[in-house]
């Protein structure tokens, strides 16, 4: 294997530290740039720090952007486009693909223009107009903030009442508390079914043949209870270009090629016996999805991303079974409270009961004198993974790894993957979405 030079750019928070570490362990020369002051110690002892990513871009064989955000603004797509025009190989988006995540109304317009069915939705910039709409059209709705404030995940609200009264109450509360920051929001009709994300890797011209299907678990507590988080765990499997892919991402292949997009792109959907209904895009790596995808790669990660960035029709061999990832967190996650973090979690040590580190992935972690410790300020030090021929086997391997670590005050969900075992897999199969396109 030829050793390559990779520059990982975290233009806001440090998110792709584990990818940087994986590339380093494969023998590649890796530098990781982190913009956020609060995250500067993340990855210390694991990867080499970049102090100036623009200077290091000339050194790199591949530049990898880990998110769409540059501080509080969307912008890595523009940076990636600029580098490509200079002849640099980049894993990253474009201004229009960044907009898929930042502007949900635009995302729905793109889907519809490519012949993809969408859920009834409207974008509002005025709370009063939205309240009038719900009262005139009573139904359960999902409230999805737009712009920078959408990163406050707890503001996404899924309505329960058939008359929409709870959504009206939430909109009134949001206007009072967040009206000064919320530039707009989308109201989307609530649809019942199986929630599944379709994720593909795009090389600038077409999708890699192996397609990833994953199931997010966003609520803090088991049973999908409690406040929303970025993500508490993910279960997944890989397949080919089946019907689920063909009727969603497959229809965007030409649009993405025109954009010159390179990297991972994910569309989260609700699926039932009546159809597939896309909810939202992730035009970047998902977290902790990328850590679990790395764990399931059976071909070299560095070779894959080098070929992806250079449009070399990359081969990707993956684990033929199921995979499960659990995010292990510390107080006050998912909330921000510096005093609580300082008293309970800062520099917390991870104690391993085994010498093996297989299945353990970095998030907000550093290594000091050989010991893994919590880093940053978010309370998300680790992702633990497992895989197996069945989802239950993958769950057992994952939670065996969780049981083999000790960290004061750590907590996690113990039900990741249960939805598949409990019937989601049978429903998708019965509805015909997992068979050939």
Protein backbone atom coordinates (compact mmCIF):
# COMPACT_ATOMS: atom_id res chain seq x y z
CA UNK A 1 0.00 0.00 0.00
CA UNK A 2 1.28 3.46 -0.93
CA UNK A 3 1.43 5.89 1.99
CA UNK A 4 -0.56 9.07 1.28
CA UNK A 5 -0.75 12.52 2.88
CA UNK A 6 -4.18 13.37 4.34
CA UNK A 7 -5.27 16.70 5.78
CA UNK A 8 -8.46 16.52 7.88
CA UNK A 9 -10.09 19.95 8.25
CA UNK A 10 -12.47 20.62 11.14
CA UNK A 11 -13.42 24.21 10.34
CA UNK A 12 -15.61 24.28 13.44
CA UNK A 13 -15.83 21.45 16.02
CA UNK A 14 -13.45 18.46 15.90
CA UNK A 15 -15.60 15.68 14.45
CA UNK A 16 -13.41 13.43 12.30
CA UNK A 17 -10.67 12.64 14.82
CA UNK A 18 -11.37 8.92 14.61
CA UNK A 19 -11.03 8.95 10.81
CA UNK A 20 -7.71 10.77 11.17
CA UNK A 21 -6.53 8.16 13.68
CA UNK A 22 -7.64 5.28 11.43
CA UNK A 23 -5.70 6.73 8.49
CA UNK A 24 -2.65 7.21 10.74
CA UNK A 25 -2.85 3.60 11.94
CA UNK A 26 -2.83 2.44 8.32
CA UNK A 27 0.54 4.13 7.83
CA UNK A 28 -0.53 7.36 6.16
CA UNK A 29 0.85 10.80 7.02
CA UNK A 30 -2.07 12.65 8.63
CA UNK A 31 -2.56 16.18 9.92
CA UNK A 32 -5.74 17.36 11.64
CA UNK A 33 -6.77 21.01 11.78
CA UNK A 34 -9.28 22.06 14.48
CA UNK A 35 -10.72 25.59 14.44
CA UNK A 36 -12.80 25.59 17.65
CA UNK A 37 -10.74 26.67 20.68
CA UNK A 38 -12.80 24.41 22.95
CA UNK A 39 -11.82 21.36 20.88
CA UNK A 40 -8.11 22.00 20.43
CA UNK A 41 -7.03 19.16 22.75
CA UNK A 42 -9.23 16.55 21.02
CA UNK A 43 -7.00 14.00 19.34
CA UNK A 44 -3.85 14.98 21.24
CA UNK A 45 -1.61 11.95 21.54
CA UNK A 46 -3.39 10.21 18.64
CA UNK A 47 -2.86 12.43 15.58
CA UNK A 48 -0.60 15.27 14.46
CA UNK A 49 -2.09 18.74 14.68
CA UNK A 50 -2.20 21.18 11.75
CA UNK A 51 -1.80 24.81 12.75
CA UNK A 52 -2.68 26.29 9.33
CA UNK A 53 -4.83 24.16 7.07
CA UNK A 54 -4.46 26.43 4.05
CA UNK A 55 -0.68 26.04 4.08
CA UNK A 56 -0.99 22.30 4.65
CA UNK A 57 -3.43 21.95 1.73
CA UNK A 58 -0.47 22.27 -0.64
CA UNK A 59 1.25 19.42 1.22
CA UNK A 60 -1.73 17.03 1.17
CA UNK A 61 -2.62 14.40 -1.40
CA UNK A 62 -6.21 14.61 -0.13
CA UNK A 63 -8.03 17.27 1.90
CA UNK A 64 -11.04 16.00 3.88
CA UNK A 65 -13.68 18.38 5.29
CA UNK A 66 -15.63 16.82 8.14
CA UNK A 67 -18.73 19.07 8.22
CA UNK A 68 -20.48 21.91 6.36
CA UNK A 69 -19.95 24.54 9.09
CA UNK A 70 -17.24 27.18 9.36
CA UNK A 71 -17.91 28.47 12.84
CA UNK A 72 -21.53 29.67 12.90
CA UNK A 73 -21.80 29.86 9.10
CA UNK A 74 -22.22 27.29 6.36
CA UNK A 75 -19.16 27.34 4.15
CA UNK A 76 -16.93 24.28 3.73
CA UNK A 77 -18.57 23.55 0.36
CA UNK A 78 -17.24 26.85 -0.97
CA UNK A 79 -13.78 26.07 0.46
CA UNK A 80 -13.81 22.60 -1.13
CA UNK A 81 -14.87 24.04 -4.48
CA UNK A 82 -12.05 26.58 -4.32
CA UNK A 83 -9.47 23.85 -3.65
CA UNK A 84 -10.78 21.66 -6.48
CA UNK A 85 -10.42 24.58 -8.89
CA UNK A 86 -6.77 24.77 -7.82
CA UNK A 87 -6.28 21.07 -8.63
CA UNK A 88 -6.44 19.69 -5.06
CA UNK A 89 -8.22 16.38 -4.46
CA UNK A 90 -10.96 16.98 -1.88
CA UNK A 91 -13.53 14.98 0.05
CA UNK A 92 -16.18 17.62 0.60
CA UNK A 93 -19.22 19.39 -0.76
CA UNK A 94 -20.23 22.42 -2.77
CA UNK A 95 -22.28 25.50 -1.80
CA UNK A 96 -25.42 23.82 -3.16
CA UNK A 97 -24.87 20.52 -1.36
CA UNK A 98 -24.19 22.41 1.90
CA UNK A 99 -27.54 24.10 1.36
CA UNK A 100 -29.30 20.71 1.32
CA UNK A 101 -28.71 20.52 5.08
CA UNK A 102 -28.93 24.19 5.99
CA UNK A 103 -32.11 25.01 4.01
CA UNK A 104 -34.72 22.25 4.29
CA UNK A 105 -37.08 23.95 1.84
CA UNK A 106 -34.37 23.99 -0.82
CA UNK A 107 -33.64 20.31 -0.11
CA UNK A 108 -37.27 19.39 -0.76
CA UNK A 109 -37.23 21.43 -3.99
CA UNK A 110 -34.17 19.52 -5.20
CA UNK A 111 -35.78 16.16 -4.39
CA UNK A 112 -38.96 17.09 -6.21
CA UNK A 113 -37.02 18.36 -9.24
CA UNK A 114 -35.34 14.95 -9.51
CA UNK A 115 -38.63 13.04 -9.30
CA UNK A 116 -38.46 11.99 -5.64
CA UNK A 117 -41.71 11.94 -3.64
CA UNK A 118 -41.76 14.27 -0.63
CA UNK A 119 -43.96 14.79 2.43
CA UNK A 120 -46.26 17.83 2.50
CA UNK A 121 -44.16 20.66 3.89
CA UNK A 122 -44.04 24.44 4.17
CA UNK A 123 -41.31 26.87 5.20
CA UNK A 124 -42.23 29.80 7.44
CA UNK A 125 -40.35 32.85 8.65
CA UNK A 126 -43.30 34.17 10.68
CA UNK A 127 -44.56 32.32 13.76
CA UNK A 128 -48.03 33.84 13.56
CA UNK A 129 -48.52 32.67 9.98
CA UNK A 130 -47.41 29.16 10.94
CA UNK A 131 -49.82 29.03 13.88
CA UNK A 132 -52.69 30.17 11.63
CA UNK A 133 -51.77 27.45 9.12
CA UNK A 134 -51.81 24.68 11.74
CA UNK A 135 -55.10 25.87 13.18
CA UNK A 136 -56.63 25.94 9.69
CA UNK A 137 -55.13 22.55 8.77
CA UNK A 138 -55.19 20.49 11.99
CA UNK A 139 -52.85 17.47 11.93
CA UNK A 140 -49.66 16.25 13.62
CA UNK A 141 -46.61 18.19 12.32
CA UNK A 142 -42.85 18.14 12.78
CA UNK A 143 -41.17 21.49 13.51
CA UNK A 144 -37.68 21.69 11.98
CA UNK A 145 -35.66 24.90 12.54
CA UNK A 146 -33.59 26.30 9.66
CA UNK A 147 -30.13 27.80 9.65
CA UNK A 148 -27.59 27.94 12.45
CA UNK A 149 -30.12 27.34 15.23
CA UNK A 150 -30.99 23.90 13.82
CA UNK A 151 -27.77 22.68 15.42
CA UNK A 152 -29.55 23.06 18.76
CA UNK A 153 -31.02 19.60 18.27
CA UNK A 154 -33.48 19.94 21.11
CA UNK A 155 -35.50 22.43 19.05
CA UNK A 156 -36.70 19.78 16.60
CA UNK A 157 -40.20 18.88 17.74
CA UNK A 158 -42.36 15.95 16.62
CA UNK A 159 -46.03 16.60 17.22
CA UNK A 160 -48.40 14.03 18.73
CA UNK A 161 -51.84 15.67 18.75
CA UNK A 162 -54.18 15.10 15.79
CA UNK A 163 -55.42 18.69 16.01
CA UNK A 164 -51.89 20.15 16.04
CA UNK A 165 -52.51 21.90 19.38
CA UNK A 166 -49.17 20.81 20.84
CA UNK A 167 -47.35 22.18 17.78
CA UNK A 168 -49.13 25.53 18.25
CA UNK A 169 -47.99 25.62 21.89
CA UNK A 170 -44.41 24.80 20.89
CA UNK A 171 -44.34 27.48 18.18
CA UNK A 172 -45.52 30.11 20.67
CA UNK A 173 -42.81 29.03 23.13
CA UNK A 174 -40.13 29.08 20.40
CA UNK A 175 -41.15 32.57 19.30
CA UNK A 176 -40.59 33.86 22.84
CA UNK A 177 -37.37 31.99 23.55
CA UNK A 178 -35.71 31.65 20.14
CA UNK A 179 -37.41 34.12 17.80
CA UNK A 180 -34.33 36.37 17.76
CA UNK A 181 -32.14 33.50 16.41
CA UNK A 182 -34.53 31.34 14.39
CA UNK A 183 -34.52 32.75 10.87
CA UNK A 184 -37.15 30.28 9.76
CA UNK A 185 -38.49 26.78 10.20
CA UNK A 186 -40.17 24.04 8.24
CA UNK A 187 -43.48 22.45 9.15
CA UNK A 188 -43.66 18.90 7.82
CA UNK A 189 -46.64 16.58 8.04
CA UNK A 190 -45.88 13.72 10.41
CA UNK A 191 -45.82 10.30 8.72
CA UNK A 192 -45.76 6.98 10.55
CA UNK A 193 -43.49 4.14 9.47
CA UNK A 194 -39.91 2.88 9.69
CA UNK A 195 -37.24 5.57 9.88
CA UNK A 196 -34.18 4.61 7.81
CA UNK A 197 -31.32 6.57 6.28
CA UNK A 198 -29.87 5.74 2.86
CA UNK A 199 -26.16 6.63 2.70
CA UNK A 200 -23.89 6.53 -0.33
CA UNK A 201 -20.32 7.53 -1.12
CA UNK A 202 -20.05 9.69 -4.26
CA UNK A 203 -16.81 10.09 -6.23
CA UNK A 204 -17.71 13.19 -8.23
CA UNK A 205 -19.28 11.16 -11.02
CA UNK A 206 -21.30 8.32 -9.53
CA UNK A 207 -22.09 6.39 -6.37
CA UNK A 208 -19.90 3.57 -5.09
CA UNK A 209 -21.82 0.31 -5.52
CA UNK A 210 -21.94 -0.54 -1.81
CA UNK A 211 -24.79 1.41 -0.19
CA UNK A 212 -25.19 1.89 3.54
CA UNK A 213 -28.57 1.70 5.30
CA UNK A 214 -28.59 2.99 8.85
CA UNK A 215 -31.00 3.58 11.71
CA UNK A 216 -30.44 6.57 13.98
CA UNK A 217 -31.32 6.71 17.68
CA UNK A 218 -31.50 10.41 18.56
CA UNK A 219 -33.28 10.49 21.92
CA UNK A 220 -31.17 10.40 25.07
CA UNK A 221 -32.86 7.48 26.85
CA UNK A 222 -33.73 3.89 25.86
CA UNK A 223 -37.15 3.49 24.32
CA UNK A 224 -36.66 6.73 22.36
CA UNK A 225 -37.50 8.87 25.38
CA UNK A 226 -36.09 12.18 26.55
CA UNK A 227 -34.40 15.16 24.91
CA UNK A 228 -33.07 14.93 21.38
CA UNK A 229 -29.33 14.62 20.97
CA UNK A 230 -27.18 14.69 17.88
CA UNK A 231 -27.16 10.89 18.08
CA UNK A 232 -26.89 8.23 20.80
CA UNK A 233 -26.22 5.26 18.56
CA UNK A 234 -26.62 3.76 15.12
CA UNK A 235 -27.35 0.35 13.66
CA UNK A 236 -26.68 -0.45 10.00
CA UNK A 237 -26.05 -2.86 7.17
CA UNK A 238 -24.64 -2.62 3.64
CA UNK A 239 -26.38 -3.70 0.44
CA UNK A 240 -26.48 -2.95 -3.26
CA UNK A 241 -28.55 -0.54 -5.30
CA UNK A 242 -31.90 -1.82 -4.10
CA UNK A 243 -35.31 -0.18 -4.42
CA UNK A 244 -34.78 1.97 -1.33
CA UNK A 245 -31.64 3.47 -2.91
CA UNK A 246 -33.08 3.69 -6.43
CA UNK A 247 -36.09 5.75 -5.33
CA UNK A 248 -34.06 8.20 -3.21
CA UNK A 249 -30.32 8.87 -3.64
CA UNK A 250 -30.23 7.03 -6.96
CA UNK A 251 -32.40 9.72 -8.51
CA UNK A 252 -29.91 12.41 -7.45
CA UNK A 253 -26.89 10.82 -9.14
CA UNK A 254 -26.96 13.21 -12.12
CA UNK A 255 -27.53 16.27 -9.92
CA UNK A 256 -24.61 15.35 -7.65
CA UNK A 257 -22.37 14.73 -10.67
CA UNK A 258 -23.22 18.19 -12.03
CA UNK A 259 -22.25 19.60 -8.62
CA UNK A 260 -18.99 17.63 -8.51
CA UNK A 261 -19.80 16.40 -5.01
CA UNK A 262 -17.30 14.03 -3.34
CA UNK A 263 -17.94 12.20 -0.09
CA UNK A 264 -20.68 10.66 2.00
CA UNK A 265 -24.28 11.80 1.54
CA UNK A 266 -27.22 10.53 3.55
CA UNK A 267 -30.96 11.07 3.20
CA UNK A 268 -33.10 10.12 6.19
CA UNK A 269 -36.55 8.78 5.28
CA UNK A 270 -39.81 7.51 6.69
CA UNK A 271 -40.90 4.34 4.86
CA UNK A 272 -44.28 2.63 5.00
CA UNK A 273 -46.40 0.41 2.78
CA UNK A 274 -47.50 3.49 0.80
CA UNK A 275 -44.10 4.90 -0.13
CA UNK A 276 -40.75 6.42 0.78
CA UNK A 277 -40.74 9.94 2.22
CA UNK A 278 -37.38 11.74 2.57
CA UNK A 279 -37.02 13.87 5.69
CA UNK A 280 -33.59 15.54 5.60
CA UNK A 281 -30.09 15.37 4.15
CA UNK A 282 -26.68 14.92 5.72
CA UNK A 283 -24.31 15.98 2.88
CA UNK A 284 -21.17 15.09 4.87
CA UNK A 285 -20.05 12.35 7.24
CA UNK A 286 -22.56 11.37 9.91
CA UNK A 287 -21.47 11.03 13.52
CA UNK A 288 -21.05 8.44 14.92
CA UNK A 289 -22.00 6.81 11.58
CA UNK A 290 -18.55 7.27 10.03
CA UNK A 291 -16.89 5.46 12.95
CA UNK A 292 -19.19 2.48 12.44
CA UNK A 293 -18.64 2.56 8.68
CA UNK A 294 -14.87 2.52 9.26
CA UNK A 295 -15.29 -0.51 11.52
CA UNK A 296 -17.16 -2.34 8.75
CA UNK A 297 -14.67 -1.48 5.95
CA UNK A 298 -12.72 -4.59 4.95
CA UNK A 299 -10.66 -2.75 2.34
CA UNK A 300 -8.16 -0.06 3.42
CA UNK A 301 -9.79 3.20 4.49
CA UNK A 302 -7.01 5.40 3.15
CA UNK A 303 -6.98 3.76 -0.26
CA UNK A 304 -10.77 4.14 -0.48
CA UNK A 305 -10.80 7.86 0.33
CA UNK A 306 -7.80 8.56 -1.90
CA UNK A 307 -9.57 6.91 -4.84
CA UNK A 308 -12.86 8.61 -3.95
CA UNK A 309 -11.26 12.07 -3.96
CA UNK A 310 -9.45 11.40 -7.24
CA UNK A 311 -12.48 9.91 -9.02
CA UNK A 312 -10.75 6.55 -9.43
CA UNK A 313 -13.91 4.39 -9.27
CA UNK A 314 -13.04 3.14 -5.78
CA UNK A 315 -13.56 -0.42 -4.66
CA UNK A 316 -15.13 -0.89 -1.24
CA UNK A 317 -15.26 -4.24 0.52
CA UNK A 318 -17.45 -4.23 3.61
CA UNK A 319 -18.59 -6.57 6.36
CA UNK A 320 -21.48 -8.70 5.10
CA UNK A 321 -23.73 -8.59 8.11
CA UNK A 322 -24.92 -6.01 10.62
CA UNK A 323 -23.15 -3.34 12.64
CA UNK A 324 -24.03 -1.43 15.82
CA UNK A 325 -22.47 1.70 17.37
CA UNK A 326 -23.14 3.13 20.83
CA UNK A 327 -22.10 6.62 21.88
CA UNK A 328 -20.74 6.60 25.46
CA UNK A 329 -21.21 10.03 27.05
CA UNK A 330 -20.55 12.00 30.22
CA UNK A 331 -22.41 14.75 32.14
CA UNK A 332 -23.85 17.17 31.18
CA UNK A 333 -24.37 15.78 27.65
CA UNK A 334 -26.48 16.73 25.70
CA UNK A 335 -26.59 20.03 27.60
CA UNK A 336 -23.98 22.74 28.11
CA UNK A 337 -22.99 23.39 31.72
CA UNK A 338 -19.34 24.19 32.28
CA UNK A 339 -19.45 23.71 36.05
CA UNK A 340 -21.06 20.27 35.77
CA UNK A 341 -18.53 19.24 33.13
CA UNK A 342 -15.59 20.47 35.22
CA UNK A 343 -16.82 18.66 38.33
CA UNK A 344 -17.78 15.35 36.72
CA UNK A 345 -16.17 14.82 33.35
CA UNK A 346 -13.17 16.95 32.41
CA UNK A 347 -10.11 14.75 31.81
CA UNK A 348 -12.07 11.66 32.87
CA UNK A 349 -9.97 8.53 32.35
CA UNK A 350 -11.12 5.55 30.29
CA UNK A 351 -10.14 2.30 31.96
CA UNK A 352 -9.97 -0.71 29.63
CA UNK A 353 -10.29 -4.24 31.01
CA UNK A 354 -8.48 -5.67 27.97
CA UNK A 355 -5.43 -4.78 25.90
CA UNK A 356 -7.50 -4.89 22.71
CA UNK A 357 -8.79 -1.60 21.29
CA UNK A 358 -10.85 -3.24 18.56
CA UNK A 359 -14.32 -1.72 18.47
CA UNK A 360 -13.33 1.49 20.29
CA UNK A 361 -13.44 4.77 18.37
CA UNK A 362 -12.45 8.32 19.29
CA UNK A 363 -14.81 11.23 19.58
CA UNK A 364 -13.84 13.88 22.13
CA UNK A 365 -10.82 12.05 23.48
CA UNK A 366 -7.07 12.51 23.89
CA UNK A 367 -4.18 10.29 25.03
CA UNK A 368 -1.97 11.40 27.90
CA UNK A 369 0.97 9.17 28.89
CA UNK A 370 -0.74 6.25 27.16
CA UNK A 371 -4.07 6.75 28.94
CA UNK A 372 -7.27 7.68 27.07
CA UNK A 373 -9.03 10.69 28.57
CA UNK A 374 -12.08 12.84 27.84
CA UNK A 375 -11.21 15.99 25.90
CA UNK A 376 -13.06 19.05 24.66
CA UNK A 377 -16.18 20.24 26.46
CA UNK A 378 -19.07 18.22 25.01
CA UNK A 379 -18.92 15.01 27.05
CA UNK A 380 -18.74 12.60 24.08
CA UNK A 381 -15.43 10.75 24.51
CA UNK A 382 -16.11 7.40 22.83
CA UNK A 383 -18.04 5.41 20.27
CA UNK A 384 -18.11 1.66 20.82
CA UNK A 385 -18.96 -0.67 17.92
CA UNK A 386 -19.78 -4.30 17.20
CA UNK A 387 -20.64 -6.41 14.18
CA UNK A 388 -22.10 -9.83 13.48
CA UNK A 389 -24.02 -11.99 11.03
CA UNK A 390 -27.28 -10.87 12.68
CA UNK A 391 -28.28 -7.60 14.30
CA UNK A 392 -28.54 -9.37 17.65
CA UNK A 393 -24.99 -10.74 17.30
CA UNK A 394 -23.74 -7.24 16.46
CA UNK A 395 -25.54 -5.86 19.52
CA UNK A 396 -24.00 -8.48 21.79
CA UNK A 397 -20.47 -7.81 20.54
CA UNK A 398 -20.94 -4.05 20.90
CA UNK A 399 -22.29 -4.18 24.45
CA UNK A 400 -19.63 -6.69 25.48
CA UNK A 401 -17.10 -4.00 24.48
CA UNK A 402 -19.04 -1.37 26.45
CA UNK A 403 -18.97 -3.65 29.51
CA UNK A 404 -15.18 -3.88 29.18
CA UNK A 405 -14.60 -0.18 29.89
CA UNK A 406 -15.01 1.90 33.02
CA UNK A 407 -15.38 5.66 33.10
CA UNK A 408 -16.83 7.53 36.10
CA UNK A 409 -20.35 8.86 35.44
CA UNK A 410 -20.58 7.39 31.93
CA UNK A 411 -23.99 6.60 30.42
CA UNK A 412 -25.35 5.26 27.14
CA UNK A 413 -28.41 3.72 25.54
CA UNK A 414 -28.68 -0.05 25.88
CA UNK A 415 -31.27 -0.58 23.14
CA UNK A 416 -29.41 0.32 19.92
CA UNK A 417 -30.47 -2.11 17.19
CA UNK A 418 -33.57 -3.38 19.01
CA UNK A 419 -35.94 -1.69 16.56
CA UNK A 420 -34.59 -3.86 13.75
CA UNK A 421 -34.90 -7.02 15.82
CA UNK A 422 -38.37 -5.93 16.97
CA UNK A 423 -39.85 -5.70 13.49
CA UNK A 424 -38.40 -2.87 11.41
CA UNK A 425 -36.38 -5.31 9.32
CA UNK A 426 -39.38 -7.54 8.68
CA UNK A 427 -41.50 -4.56 7.65
CA UNK A 428 -38.94 -3.22 5.18
CA UNK A 429 -38.56 -6.68 3.66
CA UNK A 430 -42.33 -7.25 3.47
CA UNK A 431 -42.87 -3.89 1.78
CA UNK A 432 -40.32 -4.82 -0.89
CA UNK A 433 -37.77 -2.07 -0.30
CA UNK A 434 -34.71 -4.25 0.28
CA UNK A 435 -34.97 -6.26 -2.93
CA UNK A 436 -33.53 -5.36 -6.34
CA UNK A 437 -34.36 -1.96 -7.81
